[in-house]
């Protein structure tokens, strides 16, 4: 049995990679785009990790106008300022941030189902 190692399957944790990244020192340069389920078919897209020197309100205004959705900037005690948008806008927000030159494509992490 030395050639074949028996592996016992463990429960899959979908947030394992996100939690592992949070413990690392180099996670501050990533922009995390997540989707949260509200009620029924409604969902909420959150963008966190943008640099402090950007004007969150101006970015939000452009995102709302571009994607025809509503949104807000929320102050979170742990994460700082977080942009929230209505609907599942993960791919749209990612493409917008890269096209506008705010974030490089390899610095964006998209989470969700």
PDB file of N, CA and C in Angstrom:
ATOM      1  N   UNK A   1       0.807  -1.191   0.000  1.00  0.00           N
ATOM      2  CA  UNK A   1       0.000   0.000   0.000  1.00  0.00           C
ATOM      3  C   UNK A   1       0.852   1.259   0.000  1.00  0.00           C
ATOM      4  N   UNK A   2       2.142   1.134  -0.114  1.00  0.00           N
ATOM      5  CA  UNK A   2       2.989   2.314  -0.105  1.00  0.00           C
ATOM      6  C   UNK A   2       2.820   3.126  -1.388  1.00  0.00           C
ATOM      7  N   UNK A   3       2.494   2.454  -2.494  1.00  0.00           N
ATOM      8  CA  UNK A   3       2.314   3.173  -3.748  1.00  0.00           C
ATOM      9  C   UNK A   3       0.976   3.904  -3.789  1.00  0.00           C
ATOM     10  N   UNK A   4      -0.040   3.281  -3.225  1.00  0.00           N
ATOM     11  CA  UNK A   4      -1.367   3.875  -3.247  1.00  0.00           C
ATOM     12  C   UNK A   4      -1.689   4.456  -1.875  1.00  0.00           C
ATOM     13  N   UNK A   5      -1.855   5.732  -1.843  1.00  0.00           N
ATOM     14  CA  UNK A   5      -2.238   6.382  -0.593  1.00  0.00           C
ATOM     15  C   UNK A   5      -3.760   6.516  -0.561  1.00  0.00           C
ATOM     16  N   UNK A   6      -4.334   6.106   0.516  1.00  0.00           N
ATOM     17  CA  UNK A   6      -5.775   6.206   0.665  1.00  0.00           C
ATOM     18  C   UNK A   6      -6.092   7.590   1.203  1.00  0.00           C
ATOM     19  N   UNK A   7      -6.974   8.294   0.474  1.00  0.00           N
ATOM     20  CA  UNK A   7      -7.367   9.632   0.896  1.00  0.00           C
ATOM     21  C   UNK A   7      -8.835   9.599   1.307  1.00  0.00           C
ATOM     22  N   UNK A   8      -9.096  10.102   2.457  1.00  0.00           N
ATOM     23  CA  UNK A   8     -10.454  10.166   2.949  1.00  0.00           C
ATOM     24  C   UNK A   8     -11.057  11.475   2.475  1.00  0.00           C
ATOM     25  N   UNK A   9     -12.194  11.431   1.783  1.00  0.00           N
ATOM     26  CA  UNK A   9     -12.795  12.683   1.303  1.00  0.00           C
ATOM     27  C   UNK A   9     -13.281  13.529   2.478  1.00  0.00           C
ATOM     28  N   UNK A  10     -13.070  14.815   2.354  1.00  0.00           N
ATOM     29  CA  UNK A  10     -13.513  15.743   3.391  1.00  0.00           C
ATOM     30  C   UNK A  10     -14.605  16.644   2.816  1.00  0.00           C
ATOM     31  N   UNK A  11     -15.272  17.342   3.658  1.00  0.00           N
ATOM     32  CA  UNK A  11     -16.322  18.254   3.216  1.00  0.00           C
ATOM     33  C   UNK A  11     -15.692  19.412   2.448  1.00  0.00           C
ATOM     34  N   UNK A  12     -16.339  19.803   1.366  1.00  0.00           N
ATOM     35  CA  UNK A  12     -15.845  20.891   0.531  1.00  0.00           C
ATOM     36  C   UNK A  12     -16.250  22.227   1.135  1.00  0.00           C
ATOM     37  N   UNK A  13     -15.275  23.098   1.325  1.00  0.00           N
ATOM     38  CA  UNK A  13     -15.539  24.425   1.854  1.00  0.00           C
ATOM     39  C   UNK A  13     -15.398  25.437   0.723  1.00  0.00           C
ATOM     40  N   UNK A  14     -16.502  26.045   0.235  1.00  0.00           N
ATOM     41  CA  UNK A  14     -16.399  26.965  -0.895  1.00  0.00           C
ATOM     42  C   UNK A  14     -15.654  28.255  -0.563  1.00  0.00           C
ATOM     43  N   UNK A  15     -15.534  28.586   0.735  1.00  0.00           N
ATOM     44  CA  UNK A  15     -14.857  29.817   1.127  1.00  0.00           C
ATOM     45  C   UNK A  15     -13.423  29.570   1.585  1.00  0.00           C
ATOM     46  N   UNK A  16     -12.902  28.375   1.342  1.00  0.00           N
ATOM     47  CA  UNK A  16     -11.560  28.043   1.817  1.00  0.00           C
ATOM     48  C   UNK A  16     -10.505  28.942   1.187  1.00  0.00           C
ATOM     49  N   UNK A  17     -10.606  29.166  -0.120  1.00  0.00           N
ATOM     50  CA  UNK A  17      -9.592  29.997  -0.767  1.00  0.00           C
ATOM     51  C   UNK A  17      -9.699  31.450  -0.328  1.00  0.00           C
ATOM     52  N   UNK A  18     -10.891  31.951  -0.099  1.00  0.00           N
ATOM     53  CA  UNK A  18     -11.057  33.331   0.368  1.00  0.00           C
ATOM     54  C   UNK A  18     -10.514  33.488   1.781  1.00  0.00           C
ATOM     55  N   UNK A  19     -10.770  32.501   2.648  1.00  0.00           N
ATOM     56  CA  UNK A  19     -10.256  32.575   4.014  1.00  0.00           C
ATOM     57  C   UNK A  19      -8.744  32.439   4.043  1.00  0.00           C
ATOM     58  N   UNK A  20      -8.182  31.606   3.179  1.00  0.00           N
ATOM     59  CA  UNK A  20      -6.731  31.452   3.116  1.00  0.00           C
ATOM     60  C   UNK A  20      -6.077  32.740   2.624  1.00  0.00           C
ATOM     61  N   UNK A  21      -6.743  33.434   1.710  1.00  0.00           N
ATOM     62  CA  UNK A  21      -6.188  34.684   1.198  1.00  0.00           C
ATOM     63  C   UNK A  21      -6.215  35.770   2.257  1.00  0.00           C
ATOM     64  N   UNK A  22      -7.229  35.759   3.109  1.00  0.00           N
ATOM     65  CA  UNK A  22      -7.344  36.791   4.131  1.00  0.00           C
ATOM     66  C   UNK A  22      -6.203  36.722   5.135  1.00  0.00           C
ATOM     67  N   UNK A  23      -5.656  35.518   5.359  1.00  0.00           N
ATOM     68  CA  UNK A  23      -4.585  35.389   6.335  1.00  0.00           C
ATOM     69  C   UNK A  23      -3.232  35.797   5.763  1.00  0.00           C
ATOM     70  N   UNK A  24      -3.112  35.880   4.441  1.00  0.00           N
ATOM     71  CA  UNK A  24      -1.844  36.244   3.818  1.00  0.00           C
ATOM     72  C   UNK A  24      -1.576  37.724   3.918  1.00  0.00           C
ATOM     73  N   UNK A  25      -0.310  38.110   3.687  1.00  0.00           N
ATOM     74  CA  UNK A  25       0.057  39.515   3.820  1.00  0.00           C
ATOM     75  C   UNK A  25      -0.209  40.293   2.539  1.00  0.00           C
ATOM     76  N   UNK A  26      -0.255  39.632   1.378  1.00  0.00           N
ATOM     77  CA  UNK A  26      -0.383  40.336   0.103  1.00  0.00           C
ATOM     78  C   UNK A  26      -1.795  40.420  -0.417  1.00  0.00           C
ATOM     79  N   UNK A  27      -2.808  40.370   0.431  1.00  0.00           N
ATOM     80  CA  UNK A  27      -4.181  40.380  -0.054  1.00  0.00           C
ATOM     81  C   UNK A  27      -4.721  41.788  -0.241  1.00  0.00           C
ATOM     82  N   UNK A  28      -4.006  42.801   0.175  1.00  0.00           N
ATOM     83  CA  UNK A  28      -4.525  44.157   0.094  1.00  0.00           C
ATOM     84  C   UNK A  28      -4.585  44.661  -1.341  1.00  0.00           C
ATOM     85  N   UNK A  29      -3.862  44.038  -2.279  1.00  0.00           N
ATOM     86  CA  UNK A  29      -3.855  44.538  -3.635  1.00  0.00           C
ATOM     87  C   UNK A  29      -4.929  43.902  -4.509  1.00  0.00           C
ATOM     88  N   UNK A  30      -5.742  43.011  -3.966  1.00  0.00           N
ATOM     89  CA  UNK A  30      -6.809  42.389  -4.737  1.00  0.00           C
ATOM     90  C   UNK A  30      -8.112  43.148  -4.547  1.00  0.00           C
ATOM     91  N   UNK A  31      -8.897  43.206  -5.633  1.00  0.00           N
ATOM     92  CA  UNK A  31     -10.247  43.747  -5.572  1.00  0.00           C
ATOM     93  C   UNK A  31     -11.175  42.546  -5.620  1.00  0.00           C
ATOM     94  N   UNK A  32     -12.026  42.398  -4.604  1.00  0.00           N
ATOM     95  CA  UNK A  32     -12.930  41.257  -4.507  1.00  0.00           C
ATOM     96  C   UNK A  32     -14.317  41.680  -4.960  1.00  0.00           C
ATOM     97  N   UNK A  33     -14.863  40.922  -5.922  1.00  0.00           N
ATOM     98  CA  UNK A  33     -16.208  41.166  -6.413  1.00  0.00           C
ATOM     99  C   UNK A  33     -17.042  39.954  -6.031  1.00  0.00           C
ATOM    100  N   UNK A  34     -18.067  40.181  -5.218  1.00  0.00           N
ATOM    101  CA  UNK A  34     -18.889  39.084  -4.717  1.00  0.00           C
ATOM    102  C   UNK A  34     -20.348  39.317  -5.052  1.00  0.00           C
ATOM    103  N   UNK A  35     -21.114  38.220  -5.059  1.00  0.00           N
ATOM    104  CA  UNK A  35     -22.556  38.312  -5.222  1.00  0.00           C
ATOM    105  C   UNK A  35     -23.203  37.692  -3.991  1.00  0.00           C
ATOM    106  N   UNK A  36     -24.245  38.337  -3.482  1.00  0.00           N
ATOM    107  CA  UNK A  36     -24.984  37.836  -2.324  1.00  0.00           C
ATOM    108  C   UNK A  36     -26.438  37.688  -2.726  1.00  0.00           C
ATOM    109  N   UNK A  37     -27.028  36.562  -2.342  1.00  0.00           N
ATOM    110  CA  UNK A  37     -28.434  36.327  -2.639  1.00  0.00           C
ATOM    111  C   UNK A  37     -29.298  37.088  -1.642  1.00  0.00           C
ATOM    112  N   UNK A  38     -30.276  37.805  -2.147  1.00  0.00           N
ATOM    113  CA  UNK A  38     -31.230  38.482  -1.256  1.00  0.00           C
ATOM    114  C   UNK A  38     -32.440  37.586  -1.104  1.00  0.00           C
ATOM    115  N   UNK A  39     -33.582  37.998  -1.542  1.00  0.00           N
ATOM    116  CA  UNK A  39     -34.769  37.160  -1.436  1.00  0.00           C
ATOM    117  C   UNK A  39     -35.305  36.870  -2.841  1.00  0.00           C
ATOM    118  N   UNK A  40     -35.695  35.628  -3.074  1.00  0.00           N
ATOM    119  CA  UNK A  40     -36.201  35.244  -4.387  1.00  0.00           C
ATOM    120  C   UNK A  40     -35.109  35.288  -5.434  1.00  0.00           C
ATOM    121  N   UNK A  41     -35.351  36.004  -6.503  1.00  0.00           N
ATOM    122  CA  UNK A  41     -34.371  36.112  -7.588  1.00  0.00           C
ATOM    123  C   UNK A  41     -33.468  37.323  -7.433  1.00  0.00           C
ATOM    124  N   UNK A  42     -33.651  38.081  -6.398  1.00  0.00           N
ATOM    125  CA  UNK A  42     -32.883  39.311  -6.204  1.00  0.00           C
ATOM    126  C   UNK A  42     -31.490  38.996  -5.677  1.00  0.00           C
ATOM    127  N   UNK A  43     -30.500  39.746  -6.154  1.00  0.00           N
ATOM    128  CA  UNK A  43     -29.129  39.555  -5.677  1.00  0.00           C
ATOM    129  C   UNK A  43     -28.456  40.916  -5.541  1.00  0.00           C
ATOM    130  N   UNK A  44     -27.289  40.885  -4.908  1.00  0.00           N
ATOM    131  CA  UNK A  44     -26.545  42.093  -4.584  1.00  0.00           C
ATOM    132  C   UNK A  44     -25.080  41.844  -4.917  1.00  0.00           C
ATOM    133  N   UNK A  45     -24.459  42.756  -5.642  1.00  0.00           N
ATOM    134  CA  UNK A  45     -23.048  42.637  -5.990  1.00  0.00           C
ATOM    135  C   UNK A  45     -22.249  43.612  -5.132  1.00  0.00           C
ATOM    136  N   UNK A  46     -21.176  43.116  -4.501  1.00  0.00           N
ATOM    137  CA  UNK A  46     -20.333  43.979  -3.672  1.00  0.00           C
ATOM    138  C   UNK A  46     -18.928  44.029  -4.255  1.00  0.00           C
ATOM    139  N   UNK A  47     -18.329  45.205  -4.207  1.00  0.00           N
ATOM    140  CA  UNK A  47     -16.964  45.435  -4.680  1.00  0.00           C
ATOM    141  C   UNK A  47     -16.176  46.001  -3.507  1.00  0.00           C
ATOM    142  N   UNK A  48     -15.113  45.298  -3.110  1.00  0.00           N
ATOM    143  CA  UNK A  48     -14.290  45.780  -2.003  1.00  0.00           C
ATOM    144  C   UNK A  48     -12.821  45.634  -2.364  1.00  0.00           C
ATOM    145  N   UNK A  49     -12.000  46.447  -1.745  1.00  0.00           N
ATOM    146  CA  UNK A  49     -10.566  46.362  -1.953  1.00  0.00           C
ATOM    147  C   UNK A  49     -10.012  47.399  -2.898  1.00  0.00           C
ATOM    148  N   UNK A  50     -10.839  48.352  -3.340  1.00  0.00           N
ATOM    149  CA  UNK A  50     -10.309  49.423  -4.173  1.00  0.00           C
ATOM    150  C   UNK A  50      -9.398  50.311  -3.339  1.00  0.00           C
ATOM    151  N   UNK A  51      -8.458  50.954  -3.991  1.00  0.00           N
ATOM    152  CA  UNK A  51      -7.514  51.808  -3.269  1.00  0.00           C
ATOM    153  C   UNK A  51      -8.229  53.019  -2.681  1.00  0.00           C
ATOM    154  N   UNK A  52      -7.674  53.532  -1.607  1.00  0.00           N
ATOM    155  CA  UNK A  52      -8.307  54.623  -0.864  1.00  0.00           C
ATOM    156  C   UNK A  52      -8.332  55.931  -1.654  1.00  0.00           C
ATOM    157  N   UNK A  53      -7.374  56.122  -2.571  1.00  0.00           N
ATOM    158  CA  UNK A  53      -7.312  57.409  -3.264  1.00  0.00           C
ATOM    159  C   UNK A  53      -8.380  57.575  -4.331  1.00  0.00           C
ATOM    160  N   UNK A  54      -9.091  56.502  -4.682  1.00  0.00           N
ATOM    161  CA  UNK A  54     -10.180  56.611  -5.649  1.00  0.00           C
ATOM    162  C   UNK A  54     -11.417  57.186  -4.984  1.00  0.00           C
ATOM    163  N   UNK A  55     -12.179  57.936  -5.745  1.00  0.00           N
ATOM    164  CA  UNK A  55     -13.447  58.465  -5.255  1.00  0.00           C
ATOM    165  C   UNK A  55     -14.519  57.395  -5.487  1.00  0.00           C
ATOM    166  N   UNK A  56     -14.953  56.776  -4.405  1.00  0.00           N
ATOM    167  CA  UNK A  56     -15.927  55.696  -4.502  1.00  0.00           C
ATOM    168  C   UNK A  56     -17.250  56.202  -5.078  1.00  0.00           C
ATOM    169  N   UNK A  57     -17.623  57.421  -4.730  1.00  0.00           N
ATOM    170  CA  UNK A  57     -18.892  57.957  -5.206  1.00  0.00           C
ATOM    171  C   UNK A  57     -18.877  58.188  -6.716  1.00  0.00           C
ATOM    172  N   UNK A  58     -17.761  58.618  -7.264  1.00  0.00           N
ATOM    173  CA  UNK A  58     -17.677  58.820  -8.713  1.00  0.00           C
ATOM    174  C   UNK A  58     -17.688  57.479  -9.457  1.00  0.00           C
ATOM    175  N   UNK A  59     -16.981  56.488  -8.908  1.00  0.00           N
ATOM    176  CA  UNK A  59     -16.991  55.155  -9.518  1.00  0.00           C
ATOM    177  C   UNK A  59     -18.406  54.589  -9.478  1.00  0.00           C
ATOM    178  N   UNK A  60     -19.081  54.751  -8.335  1.00  0.00           N
ATOM    179  CA  UNK A  60     -20.451  54.261  -8.194  1.00  0.00           C
ATOM    180  C   UNK A  60     -21.380  54.942  -9.192  1.00  0.00           C
ATOM    181  N   UNK A  61     -21.219  56.229  -9.357  1.00  0.00           N
ATOM    182  CA  UNK A  61     -22.070  56.970 -10.289  1.00  0.00           C
ATOM    183  C   UNK A  61     -21.901  56.444 -11.708  1.00  0.00           C
ATOM    184  N   UNK A  62     -20.657  56.187 -12.117  1.00  0.00           N
ATOM    185  CA  UNK A  62     -20.401  55.656 -13.458  1.00  0.00           C
ATOM    186  C   UNK A  62     -20.939  54.234 -13.613  1.00  0.00           C
ATOM    187  N   UNK A  63     -20.778  53.408 -12.567  1.00  0.00           N
ATOM    188  CA  UNK A  63     -21.290  52.036 -12.625  1.00  0.00           C
ATOM    189  C   UNK A  63     -22.811  52.037 -12.742  1.00  0.00           C
ATOM    190  N   UNK A  64     -23.480  52.870 -11.965  1.00  0.00           N
ATOM    191  CA  UNK A  64     -24.936  52.931 -12.002  1.00  0.00           C
ATOM    192  C   UNK A  64     -25.433  53.381 -13.377  1.00  0.00           C
ATOM    193  N   UNK A  65     -24.752  54.348 -13.956  1.00  0.00           N
ATOM    194  CA  UNK A  65     -25.165  54.858 -15.257  1.00  0.00           C
ATOM    195  C   UNK A  65     -24.900  53.833 -16.364  1.00  0.00           C
ATOM    196  N   UNK A  66     -23.777  53.133 -16.264  1.00  0.00           N
ATOM    197  CA  UNK A  66     -23.382  52.162 -17.288  1.00  0.00           C
ATOM    198  C   UNK A  66     -24.292  50.941 -17.292  1.00  0.00           C
ATOM    199  N   UNK A  67     -24.661  50.436 -16.130  1.00  0.00           N
ATOM    200  CA  UNK A  67     -25.390  49.162 -16.047  1.00  0.00           C
ATOM    201  C   UNK A  67     -26.872  49.331 -15.716  1.00  0.00           C
ATOM    202  N   UNK A  68     -27.354  50.571 -15.626  1.00  0.00           N
ATOM    203  CA  UNK A  68     -28.772  50.840 -15.354  1.00  0.00           C
ATOM    204  C   UNK A  68     -29.254  50.099 -14.106  1.00  0.00           C
ATOM    205  N   UNK A  69     -28.522  50.277 -13.015  1.00  0.00           N
ATOM    206  CA  UNK A  69     -28.915  49.656 -11.759  1.00  0.00           C
ATOM    207  C   UNK A  69     -28.677  50.667 -10.644  1.00  0.00           C
ATOM    208  N   UNK A  70     -29.214  50.377  -9.485  1.00  0.00           N
ATOM    209  CA  UNK A  70     -29.020  51.258  -8.343  1.00  0.00           C
ATOM    210  C   UNK A  70     -27.881  50.719  -7.484  1.00  0.00           C
ATOM    211  N   UNK A  71     -27.335  51.553  -6.613  1.00  0.00           N
ATOM    212  CA  UNK A  71     -26.245  51.114  -5.758  1.00  0.00           C
ATOM    213  C   UNK A  71     -25.948  52.139  -4.688  1.00  0.00           C
ATOM    214  N   UNK A  72     -25.019  51.755  -3.807  1.00  0.00           N
ATOM    215  CA  UNK A  72     -24.644  52.634  -2.705  1.00  0.00           C
ATOM    216  C   UNK A  72     -23.234  52.299  -2.243  1.00  0.00           C
ATOM    217  N   UNK A  73     -22.635  53.216  -1.493  1.00  0.00           N
ATOM    218  CA  UNK A  73     -21.345  52.989  -0.859  1.00  0.00           C
ATOM    219  C   UNK A  73     -21.607  52.792   0.627  1.00  0.00           C
ATOM    220  N   UNK A  74     -21.142  51.655   1.167  1.00  0.00           N
ATOM    221  CA  UNK A  74     -21.390  51.305   2.561  1.00  0.00           C
ATOM    222  C   UNK A  74     -20.061  51.305   3.304  1.00  0.00           C
ATOM    223  N   UNK A  75     -20.053  51.852   4.513  1.00  0.00           N
ATOM    224  CA  UNK A  75     -18.865  51.840   5.353  1.00  0.00           C
ATOM    225  C   UNK A  75     -18.904  50.598   6.236  1.00  0.00           C
ATOM    226  N   UNK A  76     -17.964  49.664   6.013  1.00  0.00           N
ATOM    227  CA  UNK A  76     -17.893  48.433   6.791  1.00  0.00           C
ATOM    228  C   UNK A  76     -16.761  48.567   7.792  1.00  0.00           C
ATOM    229  N   UNK A  77     -16.954  48.136   9.055  1.00  0.00           N
ATOM    230  CA  UNK A  77     -15.885  48.297  10.048  1.00  0.00           C
ATOM    231  C   UNK A  77     -14.635  47.477   9.732  1.00  0.00           C
ATOM    232  N   UNK A  78     -14.786  46.296   9.122  1.00  0.00           N
ATOM    233  CA  UNK A  78     -13.618  45.458   8.820  1.00  0.00           C
ATOM    234  C   UNK A  78     -13.030  45.748   7.446  1.00  0.00           C
ATOM    235  N   UNK A  79     -13.887  45.910   6.437  1.00  0.00           N
ATOM    236  CA  UNK A  79     -13.428  46.010   5.055  1.00  0.00           C
ATOM    237  C   UNK A  79     -13.228  47.442   4.574  1.00  0.00           C
ATOM    238  N   UNK A  80     -13.675  48.413   5.315  1.00  0.00           N
ATOM    239  CA  UNK A  80     -13.592  49.791   4.856  1.00  0.00           C
ATOM    240  C   UNK A  80     -14.808  50.113   4.005  1.00  0.00           C
ATOM    241  N   UNK A  81     -14.616  50.887   2.935  1.00  0.00           N
ATOM    242  CA  UNK A  81     -15.729  51.242   2.070  1.00  0.00           C
ATOM    243  C   UNK A  81     -15.986  50.130   1.068  1.00  0.00           C
ATOM    244  N   UNK A  82     -17.263  49.800   0.882  1.00  0.00           N
ATOM    245  CA  UNK A  82     -17.679  48.736  -0.027  1.00  0.00           C
ATOM    246  C   UNK A  82     -18.755  49.297  -0.937  1.00  0.00           C
ATOM    247  N   UNK A  83     -18.623  49.038  -2.251  1.00  0.00           N
ATOM    248  CA  UNK A  83     -19.635  49.455  -3.213  1.00  0.00           C
ATOM    249  C   UNK A  83     -20.636  48.315  -3.357  1.00  0.00           C
ATOM    250  N   UNK A  84     -21.920  48.625  -3.234  1.00  0.00           N
ATOM    251  CA  UNK A  84     -22.981  47.633  -3.424  1.00  0.00           C
ATOM    252  C   UNK A  84     -23.820  48.033  -4.627  1.00  0.00           C
ATOM    253  N   UNK A  85     -24.095  47.047  -5.506  1.00  0.00           N
ATOM    254  CA  UNK A  85     -24.929  47.271  -6.682  1.00  0.00           C
ATOM    255  C   UNK A  85     -26.062  46.259  -6.696  1.00  0.00           C
ATOM    256  N   UNK A  86     -27.200  46.658  -7.248  1.00  0.00           N
ATOM    257  CA  UNK A  86     -28.311  45.736  -7.377  1.00  0.00           C
ATOM    258  C   UNK A  86     -28.067  44.792  -8.541  1.00  0.00           C
ATOM    259  N   UNK A  87     -28.433  43.526  -8.358  1.00  0.00           N
ATOM    260  CA  UNK A  87     -28.319  42.545  -9.430  1.00  0.00           C
ATOM    261  C   UNK A  87     -26.966  41.866  -9.450  1.00  0.00           C
ATOM    262  N   UNK A  88     -26.845  40.860 -10.302  1.00  0.00           N
ATOM    263  CA  UNK A  88     -25.587  40.129 -10.466  1.00  0.00           C
ATOM    264  C   UNK A  88     -24.765  40.833 -11.535  1.00  0.00           C
ATOM    265  N   UNK A  89     -23.877  41.721 -11.133  1.00  0.00           N
ATOM    266  CA  UNK A  89     -23.088  42.545 -12.049  1.00  0.00           C
ATOM    267  C   UNK A  89     -21.607  42.180 -12.009  1.00  0.00           C
ATOM    268  N   UNK A  90     -21.269  40.964 -11.600  1.00  0.00           N
ATOM    269  CA  UNK A  90     -19.860  40.599 -11.401  1.00  0.00           C
ATOM    270  C   UNK A  90     -19.030  40.774 -12.666  1.00  0.00           C
ATOM    271  N   UNK A  91     -19.456  40.193 -13.771  1.00  0.00           N
ATOM    272  CA  UNK A  91     -18.677  40.270 -15.009  1.00  0.00           C
ATOM    273  C   UNK A  91     -18.651  41.694 -15.550  1.00  0.00           C
ATOM    274  N   UNK A  92     -19.777  42.395 -15.447  1.00  0.00           N
ATOM    275  CA  UNK A  92     -19.841  43.779 -15.920  1.00  0.00           C
ATOM    276  C   UNK A  92     -18.888  44.686 -15.141  1.00  0.00           C
ATOM    277  N   UNK A  93     -18.893  44.545 -13.818  1.00  0.00           N
ATOM    278  CA  UNK A  93     -18.033  45.384 -12.972  1.00  0.00           C
ATOM    279  C   UNK A  93     -16.569  45.080 -13.243  1.00  0.00           C
ATOM    280  N   UNK A  94     -16.251  43.808 -13.391  1.00  0.00           N
ATOM    281  CA  UNK A  94     -14.868  43.413 -13.674  1.00  0.00           C
ATOM    282  C   UNK A  94     -14.386  44.036 -14.985  1.00  0.00           C
ATOM    283  N   UNK A  95     -15.193  43.916 -16.025  1.00  0.00           N
ATOM    284  CA  UNK A  95     -14.815  44.488 -17.323  1.00  0.00           C
ATOM    285  C   UNK A  95     -14.717  46.009 -17.241  1.00  0.00           C
ATOM    286  N   UNK A  96     -15.609  46.643 -16.499  1.00  0.00           N
ATOM    287  CA  UNK A  96     -15.600  48.103 -16.368  1.00  0.00           C
ATOM    288  C   UNK A  96     -14.342  48.584 -15.666  1.00  0.00           C
ATOM    289  N   UNK A  97     -13.968  47.924 -14.551  1.00  0.00           N
ATOM    290  CA  UNK A  97     -12.791  48.351 -13.803  1.00  0.00           C
ATOM    291  C   UNK A  97     -11.509  48.198 -14.622  1.00  0.00           C
ATOM    292  N   UNK A  98     -11.430  47.142 -15.428  1.00  0.00           N
ATOM    293  CA  UNK A  98     -10.242  46.938 -16.269  1.00  0.00           C
ATOM    294  C   UNK A  98     -10.221  47.963 -17.398  1.00  0.00           C
ATOM    295  N   UNK A  99     -11.370  48.169 -18.035  1.00  0.00           N
ATOM    296  CA  UNK A  99     -11.446  49.089 -19.174  1.00  0.00           C
ATOM    297  C   UNK A  99     -11.182  50.535 -18.750  1.00  0.00           C
ATOM    298  N   UNK A 100     -11.617  50.894 -17.544  1.00  0.00           N
ATOM    299  CA  UNK A 100     -11.405  52.253 -17.050  1.00  0.00           C
ATOM    300  C   UNK A 100      -9.975  52.462 -16.535  1.00  0.00           C
ATOM    301  N   UNK A 101      -9.212  51.386 -16.371  1.00  0.00           N
ATOM    302  CA  UNK A 101      -7.836  51.509 -15.902  1.00  0.00           C
ATOM    303  C   UNK A 101      -7.715  51.645 -14.403  1.00  0.00           C
ATOM    304  N   UNK A 102      -8.761  51.304 -13.677  1.00  0.00           N
ATOM    305  CA  UNK A 102      -8.730  51.416 -12.221  1.00  0.00           C
ATOM    306  C   UNK A 102      -7.946  50.259 -11.610  1.00  0.00           C
ATOM    307  N   UNK A 103      -8.150  49.048 -12.147  1.00  0.00           N
ATOM    308  CA  UNK A 103      -7.515  47.841 -11.626  1.00  0.00           C
ATOM    309  C   UNK A 103      -7.043  46.999 -12.802  1.00  0.00           C
ATOM    310  N   UNK A 104      -5.918  46.304 -12.618  1.00  0.00           N
ATOM    311  CA  UNK A 104      -5.465  45.362 -13.641  1.00  0.00           C
ATOM    312  C   UNK A 104      -6.275  44.074 -13.541  1.00  0.00           C
ATOM    313  N   UNK A 105      -6.375  43.371 -14.662  1.00  0.00           N
ATOM    314  CA  UNK A 105      -7.220  42.172 -14.714  1.00  0.00           C
ATOM    315  C   UNK A 105      -6.755  41.092 -13.748  1.00  0.00           C
ATOM    316  N   UNK A 106      -5.449  40.932 -13.547  1.00  0.00           N
ATOM    317  CA  UNK A 106      -4.953  39.874 -12.669  1.00  0.00           C
ATOM    318  C   UNK A 106      -5.052  40.238 -11.184  1.00  0.00           C
ATOM    319  N   UNK A 107      -5.560  41.432 -10.864  1.00  0.00           N
ATOM    320  CA  UNK A 107      -5.750  41.833  -9.469  1.00  0.00           C
ATOM    321  C   UNK A 107      -7.209  41.784  -9.045  1.00  0.00           C
ATOM    322  N   UNK A 108      -8.051  41.132  -9.869  1.00  0.00           N
ATOM    323  CA  UNK A 108      -9.471  41.031  -9.562  1.00  0.00           C
ATOM    324  C   UNK A 108      -9.802  39.587  -9.215  1.00  0.00           C
ATOM    325  N   UNK A 109     -10.497  39.388  -8.100  1.00  0.00           N
ATOM    326  CA  UNK A 109     -10.995  38.075  -7.696  1.00  0.00           C
ATOM    327  C   UNK A 109     -12.510  38.127  -7.722  1.00  0.00           C
ATOM    328  N   UNK A 110     -13.121  37.223  -8.492  1.00  0.00           N
ATOM    329  CA  UNK A 110     -14.575  37.158  -8.583  1.00  0.00           C
ATOM    330  C   UNK A 110     -15.028  35.944  -7.779  1.00  0.00           C
ATOM    331  N   UNK A 111     -15.914  36.173  -6.797  1.00  0.00           N
ATOM    332  CA  UNK A 111     -16.429  35.122  -5.937  1.00  0.00           C
ATOM    333  C   UNK A 111     -17.920  34.964  -6.199  1.00  0.00           C
ATOM    334  N   UNK A 112     -18.453  33.831  -5.814  1.00  0.00           N
ATOM    335  CA  UNK A 112     -19.893  33.636  -5.893  1.00  0.00           C
ATOM    336  C   UNK A 112     -20.251  32.308  -6.500  1.00  0.00           C
ATOM    337  N   UNK A 113     -21.520  32.084  -6.644  1.00  0.00           N
ATOM    338  CA  UNK A 113     -22.016  30.815  -7.140  1.00  0.00           C
ATOM    339  C   UNK A 113     -22.012  30.727  -8.636  1.00  0.00           C
TER     340      UNK A 113
END
